[in-house]
């Protein structure tokens, strides 16, 4: 049962990452690319969290915190840059 669940999660996360990469490549505006990058980072956080849950260890918790903070700070900085550029 765990193997089937792990394969299903891997397939779903891979599809999400592929769609986010597609949006980053084809996005018509800068904000579309920023949202796609944030989605890709959230997918990475979910993948690391799923790996930690499957292997039952908490050593990756600092990695999850750093990735989450990186996504938040990066998104805020890019949106502020985009708003300043439009004005």
Protein backbone atom coordinates (compact mmCIF):
# COMPACT_ATOMS: atom_id res chain seq x y z
CA UNK A 1 0.00 0.00 0.00
CA UNK A 2 2.82 2.41 0.84
CA UNK A 3 4.47 1.78 -2.51
CA UNK A 4 1.28 2.57 -4.43
CA UNK A 5 0.79 5.75 -2.41
CA UNK A 6 4.41 6.82 -2.93
CA UNK A 7 4.13 6.28 -6.68
CA UNK A 8 0.86 8.22 -6.83
CA UNK A 9 2.34 11.15 -4.88
CA UNK A 10 5.43 11.12 -7.09
CA UNK A 11 3.34 11.21 -10.26
CA UNK A 12 1.15 14.05 -8.98
CA UNK A 13 4.09 16.14 -7.78
CA UNK A 14 5.93 15.55 -11.05
CA UNK A 15 2.90 16.66 -13.05
CA UNK A 16 2.59 19.78 -10.90
CA UNK A 17 6.27 20.62 -11.38
CA UNK A 18 6.00 20.08 -15.13
CA UNK A 19 2.98 22.37 -15.39
CA UNK A 20 4.72 25.04 -13.31
CA UNK A 21 7.81 24.85 -15.52
CA UNK A 22 5.61 25.14 -18.59
CA UNK A 23 3.97 28.26 -17.18
CA UNK A 24 7.39 29.73 -16.36
CA UNK A 25 8.50 29.18 -19.93
CA UNK A 26 5.33 30.32 -21.70
CA UNK A 27 4.05 32.90 -19.21
CA UNK A 28 3.10 36.09 -21.01
CA UNK A 29 3.93 38.40 -18.12
CA UNK A 30 6.44 38.65 -15.31
CA UNK A 31 3.79 38.05 -12.65
CA UNK A 32 2.75 34.77 -14.32
CA UNK A 33 6.36 33.63 -14.12
CA UNK A 34 6.60 34.69 -10.46
CA UNK A 35 3.48 32.72 -9.56
CA UNK A 36 4.80 29.71 -11.46
CA UNK A 37 8.11 29.92 -9.60
CA UNK A 38 6.25 30.10 -6.29
CA UNK A 39 4.17 27.09 -7.29
CA UNK A 40 7.31 25.18 -8.22
CA UNK A 41 8.86 25.99 -4.86
CA UNK A 42 5.69 24.90 -3.05
CA UNK A 43 5.85 21.63 -5.00
CA UNK A 44 9.43 21.16 -3.86
CA UNK A 45 8.38 21.75 -0.25
CA UNK A 46 5.59 19.20 -0.66
CA UNK A 47 8.00 16.66 -2.15
CA UNK A 48 10.48 17.07 0.69
CA UNK A 49 7.65 16.85 3.23
CA UNK A 50 6.28 13.70 1.58
CA UNK A 51 9.75 12.14 1.59
CA UNK A 52 10.12 12.95 5.29
CA UNK A 53 6.70 11.46 6.05
CA UNK A 54 7.39 8.27 4.10
CA UNK A 55 10.79 7.71 5.72
CA UNK A 56 9.55 8.86 9.15
CA UNK A 57 12.32 11.30 10.01
CA UNK A 58 12.31 14.94 10.98
CA UNK A 59 15.82 15.89 9.93
CA UNK A 60 14.52 17.70 6.85
CA UNK A 61 12.46 20.16 8.89
CA UNK A 62 15.10 22.94 8.65
CA UNK A 63 15.17 22.43 4.87
CA UNK A 64 11.40 22.86 4.73
CA UNK A 65 11.57 26.05 6.80
CA UNK A 66 14.33 27.54 4.64
CA UNK A 67 12.52 26.68 1.39
CA UNK A 68 9.29 28.20 2.70
CA UNK A 69 11.03 31.40 3.79
CA UNK A 70 12.88 31.58 0.49
CA UNK A 71 9.60 31.30 -1.41
CA UNK A 72 7.90 33.96 0.67
CA UNK A 73 10.73 36.48 0.56
CA UNK A 74 11.36 35.85 -3.13
CA UNK A 75 7.73 36.31 -4.06
CA UNK A 76 7.38 39.52 -2.07
CA UNK A 77 10.58 40.95 -3.53
CA UNK A 78 9.63 40.14 -7.12
CA UNK A 79 6.11 41.51 -6.75
CA UNK A 80 7.48 44.74 -5.25
CA UNK A 81 9.92 44.97 -8.16
CA UNK A 82 7.12 44.37 -10.69
CA UNK A 83 4.84 46.98 -9.10
CA UNK A 84 7.64 49.55 -9.04
CA UNK A 85 8.43 48.86 -12.70
CA UNK A 86 4.80 49.29 -13.83
CA UNK A 87 4.45 52.71 -12.17
